[in-house]
N, C-alpha and C. Protein backbone atom coordinates (compact mmCIF):
# COMPACT_ATOMS: atom_id res chain seq x y z
N MET A 1 7.88 15.55 4.64
CA MET A 1 7.90 14.13 4.06
C MET A 1 6.61 13.52 3.37
N ILE A 2 6.95 13.12 2.34
CA ILE A 2 5.79 12.56 1.58
C ILE A 2 5.37 11.29 1.84
N ARG A 3 4.01 11.25 2.09
CA ARG A 3 3.68 10.20 2.77
C ARG A 3 3.07 8.91 1.55
N VAL A 4 3.64 7.82 1.62
CA VAL A 4 3.15 6.84 0.59
C VAL A 4 2.65 5.74 0.95
N TYR A 5 1.49 5.55 0.43
CA TYR A 5 0.48 3.96 0.45
C TYR A 5 1.07 3.12 -0.12
N VAL A 6 1.54 1.89 0.54
CA VAL A 6 1.88 0.87 -0.47
C VAL A 6 0.83 -0.15 -0.66
N ALA A 7 0.24 -0.33 -2.14
CA ALA A 7 -0.80 -1.03 -2.27
C ALA A 7 -0.22 -2.29 -3.08
N GLY A 8 -0.92 -3.36 -2.87
CA GLY A 8 -0.53 -4.35 -3.74
C GLY A 8 -1.09 -5.76 -3.41
N PRO A 9 -0.66 -6.78 -4.00
CA PRO A 9 -1.34 -8.16 -3.56
C PRO A 9 -1.00 -8.56 -2.03
N TYR A 10 -1.88 -9.28 -1.85
CA TYR A 10 -1.70 -9.82 -0.52
C TYR A 10 -2.11 -11.17 -0.45
N SER A 11 -3.18 -11.59 -0.61
CA SER A 11 -3.89 -12.66 -0.43
C SER A 11 -3.78 -13.83 -2.04
N LYS A 12 -3.39 -13.04 -2.88
CA LYS A 12 -3.35 -13.66 -4.42
C LYS A 12 -1.81 -14.16 -4.19
N GLY A 13 -1.76 -15.54 -4.52
CA GLY A 13 -0.21 -16.32 -4.33
C GLY A 13 0.11 -16.25 -2.95
N ASP A 14 1.23 -16.10 -2.38
CA ASP A 14 1.73 -16.53 -1.14
C ASP A 14 2.09 -15.02 -0.36
N PRO A 15 1.10 -15.06 0.69
CA PRO A 15 0.87 -13.74 1.33
C PRO A 15 2.27 -13.56 1.84
N VAL A 16 2.93 -14.51 2.36
CA VAL A 16 4.34 -14.12 3.04
C VAL A 16 5.22 -13.40 2.06
N ILE A 17 5.07 -13.93 0.85
CA ILE A 17 6.27 -13.14 -0.44
C ILE A 17 5.37 -11.79 -0.74
N ASN A 18 4.43 -11.89 -0.45
CA ASN A 18 3.65 -10.57 -1.21
C ASN A 18 3.74 -9.48 0.16
N VAL A 19 3.85 -9.85 1.55
CA VAL A 19 4.34 -8.86 2.41
C VAL A 19 6.02 -8.55 2.41
N ARG A 20 6.49 -9.47 1.97
CA ARG A 20 8.13 -9.06 1.72
C ARG A 20 8.30 -8.13 0.71
N THR A 21 7.67 -8.60 -0.40
CA THR A 21 7.45 -7.49 -1.55
C THR A 21 7.07 -6.01 -1.01
N ALA A 22 6.20 -6.04 -0.35
CA ALA A 22 5.71 -4.61 0.01
C ALA A 22 6.68 -3.87 1.16
N ILE A 23 7.36 -4.95 1.73
CA ILE A 23 8.40 -4.44 2.77
C ILE A 23 9.57 -3.83 2.00
N ASP A 24 10.22 -4.60 1.25
CA ASP A 24 11.07 -4.36 0.41
C ASP A 24 10.87 -2.98 -0.60
N ALA A 25 9.70 -2.73 -1.18
CA ALA A 25 9.22 -1.22 -1.60
C ALA A 25 9.35 -0.04 -0.70
N ALA A 26 8.87 -0.44 0.46
CA ALA A 26 8.75 0.45 1.52
C ALA A 26 10.02 0.79 1.91
N ASN A 27 10.84 0.13 1.99
CA ASN A 27 12.31 0.19 2.44
C ASN A 27 12.95 1.17 1.57
N ARG A 28 12.72 0.96 0.34
CA ARG A 28 13.32 1.68 -0.79
C ARG A 28 12.73 3.12 -0.55
N LEU A 29 11.68 3.18 -0.72
CA LEU A 29 11.10 4.61 -0.45
C LEU A 29 11.60 5.37 0.99
N LEU A 30 11.47 4.48 2.07
CA LEU A 30 12.01 5.03 3.02
C LEU A 30 13.70 5.70 2.89
N GLU A 31 14.30 4.71 2.23
CA GLU A 31 15.86 5.25 1.93
C GLU A 31 15.91 6.37 1.14
N LEU A 32 14.83 6.78 0.50
CA LEU A 32 14.88 7.82 -0.49
C LEU A 32 14.25 9.02 0.30
N GLY A 33 13.80 8.82 1.41
CA GLY A 33 13.22 10.23 1.98
C GLY A 33 11.80 10.28 2.21
N TYR A 34 11.12 9.06 1.83
CA TYR A 34 9.35 9.35 2.07
C TYR A 34 9.22 8.46 3.22
N ALA A 35 7.78 8.74 3.52
CA ALA A 35 7.47 7.91 4.72
C ALA A 35 6.47 6.79 4.18
N PRO A 36 6.69 6.01 3.99
CA PRO A 36 5.80 4.62 3.41
C PRO A 36 4.63 3.87 4.60
N TYR A 37 3.58 3.61 4.00
CA TYR A 37 3.06 3.09 5.08
C TYR A 37 2.61 1.59 4.48
N ILE A 38 2.72 0.48 5.15
CA ILE A 38 2.68 -1.08 4.86
C ILE A 38 1.40 -1.49 5.19
N PRO A 39 0.19 -1.35 4.38
CA PRO A 39 -1.11 -2.33 5.14
C PRO A 39 -0.46 -3.51 5.09
N HIS A 40 0.23 -4.22 4.51
CA HIS A 40 0.40 -5.55 4.51
C HIS A 40 1.05 -6.24 5.95
N LEU A 41 1.32 -5.37 6.71
CA LEU A 41 1.88 -5.58 7.99
C LEU A 41 0.48 -6.07 9.00
N THR A 42 -0.58 -5.82 8.66
CA THR A 42 -1.68 -5.92 9.64
C THR A 42 -2.02 -7.61 9.56
N MET A 43 -1.05 -8.10 8.65
CA MET A 43 -0.95 -9.77 8.65
C MET A 43 -0.80 -10.42 10.05
N PHE A 44 0.03 -9.50 10.55
CA PHE A 44 0.67 -9.99 12.24
C PHE A 44 -0.75 -9.79 13.06
N TRP A 45 -1.08 -8.78 12.84
CA TRP A 45 -2.11 -8.44 13.82
C TRP A 45 -3.49 -9.45 13.53
N HIS A 46 -3.79 -9.62 12.29
CA HIS A 46 -4.67 -10.47 12.02
C HIS A 46 -4.78 -12.05 12.61
N LEU A 47 -3.19 -12.33 12.66
CA LEU A 47 -2.79 -13.60 13.37
C LEU A 47 -3.44 -13.75 14.71
N VAL A 48 -3.26 -12.50 15.35
CA VAL A 48 -3.69 -12.57 16.81
C VAL A 48 -5.28 -12.21 17.07
N TYR A 49 -5.88 -11.30 16.10
CA TYR A 49 -7.11 -10.95 16.48
C TYR A 49 -7.58 -10.79 14.95
N ALA A 50 -8.04 -11.97 14.35
CA ALA A 50 -8.82 -12.28 13.08
C ALA A 50 -9.75 -11.19 12.86
N GLN A 51 -10.07 -10.56 11.65
CA GLN A 51 -10.99 -9.59 11.36
C GLN A 51 -11.52 -9.93 10.18
N PRO A 52 -12.75 -9.72 9.65
CA PRO A 52 -13.22 -9.87 8.47
C PRO A 52 -12.39 -9.12 7.37
N TYR A 53 -12.31 -10.04 6.25
CA TYR A 53 -11.56 -9.25 5.02
C TYR A 53 -11.97 -7.50 5.11
N GLU A 54 -13.24 -7.38 4.95
CA GLU A 54 -13.78 -5.94 4.54
C GLU A 54 -13.55 -5.12 5.87
N LYS A 55 -13.32 -5.42 6.88
CA LYS A 55 -12.92 -4.52 7.88
C LYS A 55 -11.62 -4.17 7.89
N TRP A 56 -10.52 -5.29 7.32
CA TRP A 56 -9.14 -4.68 6.94
C TRP A 56 -9.31 -3.65 5.98
N LEU A 57 -9.78 -4.03 4.99
CA LEU A 57 -10.06 -2.86 3.89
C LEU A 57 -10.60 -1.45 4.45
N GLU A 58 -11.44 -1.67 5.22
CA GLU A 58 -12.35 -0.35 5.84
C GLU A 58 -10.83 0.44 6.51
N LEU A 59 -10.35 -0.02 7.27
CA LEU A 59 -9.12 0.56 7.91
C LEU A 59 -7.83 1.03 6.68
N ASP A 60 -7.61 0.08 5.79
CA ASP A 60 -6.90 0.65 4.80
C ASP A 60 -7.33 1.78 3.65
N PHE A 61 -8.50 2.17 3.84
CA PHE A 61 -9.23 3.07 3.16
C PHE A 61 -8.89 4.30 3.86
N GLU A 62 -9.24 4.29 5.27
CA GLU A 62 -8.95 5.20 6.15
C GLU A 62 -7.40 5.74 6.12
N TRP A 63 -6.69 4.90 6.16
CA TRP A 63 -5.24 5.09 6.11
C TRP A 63 -4.72 5.75 4.71
N ILE A 64 -5.40 5.46 3.60
CA ILE A 64 -5.07 6.17 2.34
C ILE A 64 -5.41 7.41 2.52
N LYS A 65 -6.47 8.13 3.11
CA LYS A 65 -7.02 9.43 3.11
C LYS A 65 -5.83 10.21 3.62
N GLN A 66 -5.00 9.57 4.77
CA GLN A 66 -3.84 10.08 5.47
C GLN A 66 -2.45 10.53 4.61
N CYS A 67 -2.56 9.68 3.55
CA CYS A 67 -1.33 9.82 2.75
C CYS A 67 -1.71 10.57 1.52
N ASP A 68 -0.14 10.94 1.03
CA ASP A 68 -0.23 12.07 0.02
C ASP A 68 -0.46 11.23 -1.51
N ILE A 69 0.27 10.27 -1.58
CA ILE A 69 0.47 9.40 -2.97
C ILE A 69 -0.04 7.78 -2.59
N LEU A 70 -0.11 6.87 -3.50
CA LEU A 70 -0.24 5.67 -3.45
C LEU A 70 0.63 4.94 -4.55
N LEU A 71 1.47 4.09 -4.17
CA LEU A 71 2.23 3.15 -4.76
C LEU A 71 1.59 1.76 -5.07
N ARG A 72 1.10 1.53 -6.39
CA ARG A 72 0.40 0.44 -6.81
C ARG A 72 1.39 -0.73 -7.14
N LEU A 73 1.78 -1.57 -6.44
CA LEU A 73 2.82 -2.72 -6.87
C LEU A 73 2.15 -3.46 -7.80
N PRO A 74 2.87 -4.37 -8.61
CA PRO A 74 2.49 -5.23 -9.67
C PRO A 74 1.99 -6.71 -8.89
N GLY A 75 0.93 -7.05 -9.75
CA GLY A 75 0.18 -8.03 -9.44
C GLY A 75 -1.18 -8.11 -9.38
N GLU A 76 -1.55 -9.32 -9.48
CA GLU A 76 -3.36 -9.24 -9.37
C GLU A 76 -3.83 -8.89 -8.00
N SER A 77 -4.72 -8.16 -7.54
CA SER A 77 -5.34 -7.89 -6.38
C SER A 77 -6.58 -6.99 -6.33
N SER A 78 -7.67 -7.82 -6.28
CA SER A 78 -8.93 -6.94 -6.19
C SER A 78 -8.95 -5.90 -5.06
N GLY A 79 -8.10 -6.20 -3.82
CA GLY A 79 -8.23 -5.24 -2.69
C GLY A 79 -7.29 -4.08 -3.11
N ALA A 80 -6.11 -4.15 -3.80
CA ALA A 80 -5.21 -3.21 -4.31
C ALA A 80 -6.17 -2.30 -5.23
N ASP A 81 -6.84 -2.97 -6.20
CA ASP A 81 -7.34 -2.17 -7.06
C ASP A 81 -8.38 -1.14 -6.24
N ARG A 82 -9.21 -1.87 -5.59
CA ARG A 82 -10.12 -1.12 -4.62
C ARG A 82 -9.37 0.16 -3.94
N GLU A 83 -8.08 0.04 -3.65
CA GLU A 83 -7.35 1.01 -2.85
C GLU A 83 -7.09 2.14 -4.10
N VAL A 84 -6.62 1.77 -5.09
CA VAL A 84 -6.55 2.59 -6.22
C VAL A 84 -7.74 3.47 -6.37
N VAL A 85 -8.84 2.93 -6.32
CA VAL A 85 -10.02 3.77 -6.24
C VAL A 85 -10.27 4.89 -5.38
N VAL A 86 -10.19 4.37 -4.39
CA VAL A 86 -10.17 5.15 -3.07
C VAL A 86 -9.34 6.29 -3.05
N ALA A 87 -8.03 5.90 -3.48
CA ALA A 87 -6.97 7.12 -3.46
C ALA A 87 -7.55 7.94 -4.92
N LEU A 88 -7.80 7.63 -5.81
CA LEU A 88 -8.17 8.56 -6.81
C LEU A 88 -9.35 9.53 -6.30
N GLU A 89 -10.36 8.86 -5.70
CA GLU A 89 -11.35 9.39 -5.15
C GLU A 89 -10.90 10.62 -4.07
N ASN A 90 -10.07 10.52 -3.53
CA ASN A 90 -9.55 11.25 -2.45
C ASN A 90 -8.41 12.21 -3.10
N GLY A 91 -8.48 12.21 -4.29
CA GLY A 91 -7.43 13.26 -4.85
C GLY A 91 -5.86 12.80 -4.67
N LEU A 92 -5.44 11.52 -4.56
CA LEU A 92 -4.06 11.21 -4.21
C LEU A 92 -3.60 10.85 -5.88
N ASP A 93 -2.26 10.95 -6.25
CA ASP A 93 -1.79 10.49 -7.23
C ASP A 93 -1.30 8.92 -7.06
N VAL A 94 -1.53 8.29 -8.19
CA VAL A 94 -1.34 6.88 -7.76
C VAL A 94 -0.48 6.79 -9.06
N TYR A 95 0.93 5.97 -8.53
CA TYR A 95 2.36 5.35 -9.48
C TYR A 95 2.15 4.15 -9.39
N TYR A 96 2.90 3.55 -10.05
CA TYR A 96 3.27 1.99 -10.51
C TYR A 96 4.47 1.55 -10.49
N SER A 97 5.53 2.60 -10.10
CA SER A 97 6.68 2.00 -9.92
C SER A 97 7.50 3.16 -9.01
N ILE A 98 8.32 2.87 -8.15
CA ILE A 98 9.22 3.83 -7.20
C ILE A 98 9.75 4.69 -8.50
N GLU A 99 10.42 4.31 -9.62
CA GLU A 99 10.86 5.35 -10.60
C GLU A 99 10.02 6.48 -10.99
N ASP A 100 8.59 6.18 -11.04
CA ASP A 100 7.55 7.04 -11.52
C ASP A 100 7.40 8.04 -10.49
N ILE A 101 7.28 7.66 -9.00
CA ILE A 101 7.51 8.70 -7.74
C ILE A 101 8.48 9.38 -7.84
N ILE A 102 9.89 8.58 -7.93
CA ILE A 102 10.87 9.90 -8.03
C ILE A 102 10.89 10.93 -9.43
N ALA A 103 10.54 10.47 -10.22
CA ALA A 103 10.39 11.43 -11.52
C ALA A 103 9.50 12.52 -11.31
N HIS A 104 8.55 12.37 -10.41
CA HIS A 104 7.33 13.28 -10.19
C HIS A 104 7.11 13.84 -8.84
N SER A 105 8.23 13.66 -8.03
CA SER A 105 8.24 14.27 -6.70
C SER A 105 9.20 15.65 -6.81
N PRO A 106 8.85 16.25 -6.12
CA PRO A 106 9.49 18.10 -5.97
C PRO A 106 10.69 17.61 -5.30
């Protein structure tokens, strides 16, 4: 199963809508046979045990290294842009739509 890191806006705009967008993308990927990882879900963890922003990104960067590819959802996000850089530095292909993932998957 191909592991897909779902990167996209979280704090710019409405975080709840942004989390929903990530979940929608991940659910579609799951239905297509991929294994998506949704870093946005740490929102719930943060509500119980708040951490500094950089601590969450540090955790995200570690998860990126465990994935095979990264999906960059649309929207302004300095954190997701940094995740793209980490993905590329670690040899992951970065896609900007689910359709592109499908087109380039074995």
